[in-house]
Amino acid sequence: MQKKRSIPLLALIAVLVVALSVGNFFAFKYAPIITTYLGQKSYEVRSGDSEEDTEYYKSDFSSEEERLLADAAAARVTASEGFVLLKNDNQALPMENGGNVTLFGVSSASILYGGGGSGAVDTSTAPTLKTALESAGFSVNPTMWDFYTTGAATDIRMDVADMAGTGRYVIHEAAPALFGSAEESSFAEYGDAAIVTFARSGSESADIPTVYDESYAEPMDVEGFLGAFHSDPVDSPEDIGRHYLELTANEEELLRYVSERFDKVIVLINSGNAMELSFLDQEEYGVDACLWIGNPGQDGLYAVGDLLNGTTSPSGKTVDTYAYNPLGAPAVQNFGNHQMAGAEEAVNTAYVVYQEGIYVGYKYYETRYEDTVLGQGGADAAVGVTAEGAGSWVYADEVQFPFGYGLSYTTFTQELVDASRDGDDFVFTVQVTNTGDREGKQVVQLYLQSPYTDYDKANGVEKASVQLAGFAKTSTLQPGESETLTITVAEEELKAYDATANNGEGSYILESGDYYFTAATDAHNAVNNILAAKGAEGLDGEANAANTAVFTLESTDKYAVSSYTGAAITNQFTDADIRTYDPDFTYLTRSDWAGTWPSTYELTATEEMVQALAIPTGTDDPDAEMPTTGADNGLSLAMMRDLSADDPSWDDLLDQLTAQEMYNLVRVGGYQTQAVNSVSAPATVCVDGPAYVGNAGTTGVTRPEDTYAWCSEVVISSTWNEEIAYNMGNLIGEDCLAQGELNFAGWYAPAMNIHRTAFSGRNFEYYSEDGFLSGRFGAATVAGAREKGVITFVKHFALNDQETNRSGMSTFANEQSIREIYLKAFESSIADSESGTLGVMLSMNRIGLKWSGNHVGMSTNVVRGEWGFEGIMITDQASYPQSFPALAIRGGLEGGTDMWLNSGADNWQIDGYQTNATVMNQLRQASRHILYAVSQSFAMNGISASAQVVRVLAPWQTWLIALDVILGLLCLAGAVVICRKTRWRS
């Protein structure tokens, strides 16, 4: 009997021992995450004897309430200036006296405030569309609102893939057949206007469908990394064969139904992706006005009411080209899931080829338009035609709204008053006059055209018909009021990359010839102005040759060296050009549209390619010397705050680091930088998400009650107002400062990839299809945040322009397009040492066959050598090495990566690192970059040059140790009891 009683006690002891072992293993493996999640610290600052003011970065606000009110006010202005009026027939808007309106569409009751994944936001306090409109003086039909929120349509919502890429996107809409007599009889009282909302979501890890194939006719149930996912089939068999960005059959039916019963129909487009909006032109749908609202964030919906009732006049402009059919873009021909043949043993065989070259977005559509007008390059050929029944390419059949387009409630004129040369700058003076009867703002867009020469055609240098070179936005102009704007364009913007220049080593060139500049209302207007100045006929749209200036330049090679560092600029991406492996491959060229039109590229890997895909293990330098470690030089990081990154004192500081400190600092940088005792460096928390402070990834830290959820980046860029982006970055900095001892000094943002196609899952999170515009808005946001001491991590560097297969996918593109489009978006943020970023987040994809962090050409030679960057290069998510093997630490260190976004203490180990001189020098260099960035951040607040930062156990670790001791003693006591009973029985 005694023996039987001992069995449960033995079992209990065994369970406790196992639980303690497993619990302690994971607790200490993920100690940084747990510490941050609990709002605790694993270090303390021991004050020195200095009396200096150590609040290096200060808040401009005296209270949390004041700060949050400033956030909300700025966000409302952002939305008001960023929402774009696409259509307004017969002055359907504004509805100055509000009115009695009826909301239609399930999305009207389930607005997409943000996107999915890291771009998601907490909008638990955000208004509904009904609330926002009522606050603007509208009366909203309660019967139809109830239909969508508590009635027959309650459970009808779109399906969206999760952030791990599991699942799929499917639009679901309530068909009018579900409306009962109560709903239909309510229209009479709320019949001033019908407001119909159509939404499209995007998310991290999953692109949106270019076609609903037959699989969408069936439900989907799948288990993913984040759990189970269920999706219903498409609503109608008619939806099979359509793509995600066009209306479904139910949506079309709803719009027809509404137009038959309401005299005024207003459509809201709640999408970060450029939808196919051809229905706006079709009489059967009866749409009078259309307002694009992107993803409005926490308070952006209030701006919808402000715009609909005329409190504010729309001034937003599109940042993408809206095609009648986005499948007609040349980039779409090579987008999505493609797998190499002949590389089955390699780690990740996915690839994509940017066969379109520089012809992305308006640089394709407007260039082909010009060539059609001028009758050159075979531009009117049938390739790329999407218009039904058309035998040749016609601009008006392909483009609905050009890049830079947007209506206002008033009218404006623009006059190019002066154009002059000032050294290496071109200076343009433009007078804008409000010629309408309402107040409003207007954007002046300055485009340039470079000569497309015989040399270019012979050497594969492409020139778009126009490229954005500058812009400015007026203040609010009253009727009859004018404002003069000055736009300066650096001559360097005229350069083009020529991979054959410099005896085949490549570089930037600036050719002799006539360079046209024009002040325009959008990209299409810009081309027309230039064509008019050339005397061309047969134009589609308005043109004003008087708004064009021409400068004749001589060729120069001065841009063959970096204007930032003086380093020679040469080819760095030959290995990313598919022609390295397939010499017969041809990129799209405007000299032969039909003959070079892209087709889906089928890649069979050579043995050389298979070998290049192998995970790099690093190469040791036999001449490397072991660096000094653990020295007692009496320096602290606070002493380095005012020193440049190349000051010799940094070497003395780095000599103090121990091997273990460097090792941990580099390997375990997930949502943090670690404290370093030897140099009194504080730890920081790094939060994720371009629209929100409070998402510290796997730490679970969210602070929705005292931080703010902004609209998506695509709305911010649509303001065409850099001051708004600066203010947003600055207020994000304020939100970070407000977290106090949590030290939210790092922000994984802004995101700055390119809308290469309309179908990328994260277009909402990126600024534009244009590298110049993206770069300007990214730089302004970064400057605002840095002014408050925030380490921004601009992401995802680079060529991460689709979500499908993003981890380890081989991305092939030519050097000109990489530099002029995809790196252009990042350049000004990274190269500005005064107000630029202190961090860069690398992409998960490969550049050619090498992971971005292992690509020396990009991550070292361009970023460090040409741009002079001194901050942190961090990986994207790296806490699961088995899922992201390409992010190998030896290869990354070799390529220039400084830190792994990893939260597991046992991940990314390097055997024998302490005795490997090559690795130790790489760790030292990476630590230098990390510590320099921290020294320039507000994490240094409260730390004087004489203060000490020392590691301590976080309170939870003390509690855990105490619990271990108590449970250990209990287990020991239980074991003693069992032993005594056993001896007694014996």
Foldseek 3Di string as FASTA:
>chain_A
DVVVVLVVLVVVLVVLVVCLVVVVQVCVQQVVLQCLLVVFFQWDWFDDPDPDFQLPFDDPDDDLVVLVVLVLVLQQVLLQLQKFWQFAAPCLDAQQQAAQEEEFKLCQAVFQQFAADLAHDDQVVFDRLCVLQVVLNHHYQVVRNCCNCPRDNNPFAWFAAHQQAPDATEHGIDAPVPDDPVNVVSCVRRFQEYEYEDEDHFYFQHWFWQFQAPVLQQWDWDADPVGIGIDHHHPDPQRGGHGRQEDDPRVQNVLLVRQVRHVAYEYEYAALFQGQDCVCVDPSSPHRIYMYRHNSFRYNSNSVNCPNNVVAKHAFFAQFFRWNRLCLQLQVQWDFFAFAAAQVVFDFRTATERQQFQCFTCLVLQQLQLCVLVVFQQSQQQRSDDQPPDGTDDSVNITDGHGLDHDTSFDKDKAFPDWDDDPQKIKTKIKIATAGQAKHKYKKWKKKFADCDPVCVVQVWATGRIATFWMDMDDIAHHGDMDMDMTMGGNVLQWFWGCPPPVNQTAIKHAWDKMKMFTASGDLQRSQLVCVLVVTDDHDDDYDVSRMDIDTDHIDDVRCAFPQFRHGDGDQQPLQACCVVVVVQHGQHSNHNVVSRDHHDHHHDDPVLSVLLHQDPADADPPFDAAAEQDPPLFALLVCLPPDLPPPVLSVLLNNHHLVLLVCQAEAQAQKGPAGFSRQFHMAGEAGHAFWPQHSDSSNGGDVPSITGHRAQQSSLSSVHLVSLLVSLQSVLSSQVVSPPNHNQEYADQEAAAQSGSGASCSSSHHHNFLQSLQSSRQSSQLSNLSSFHAYAYDAPWPQNHSRSFAAYRYHHDPRSCVRGTCSSVQVQQLDPPRHHQHYEYTRYASNSAGRLLSQSPQPCCRCNNRNGLAAYEYPACQDCVVRVSVQDNSNLNNHHQHYSHSGNPPNDDPPQNPRSRNSVSSSSSVSRHSNSSSSGSSSRPPHRRMGMGGRRIPVVVVSVVVCVVSVVVSVVSVVVVVVVVVVVD
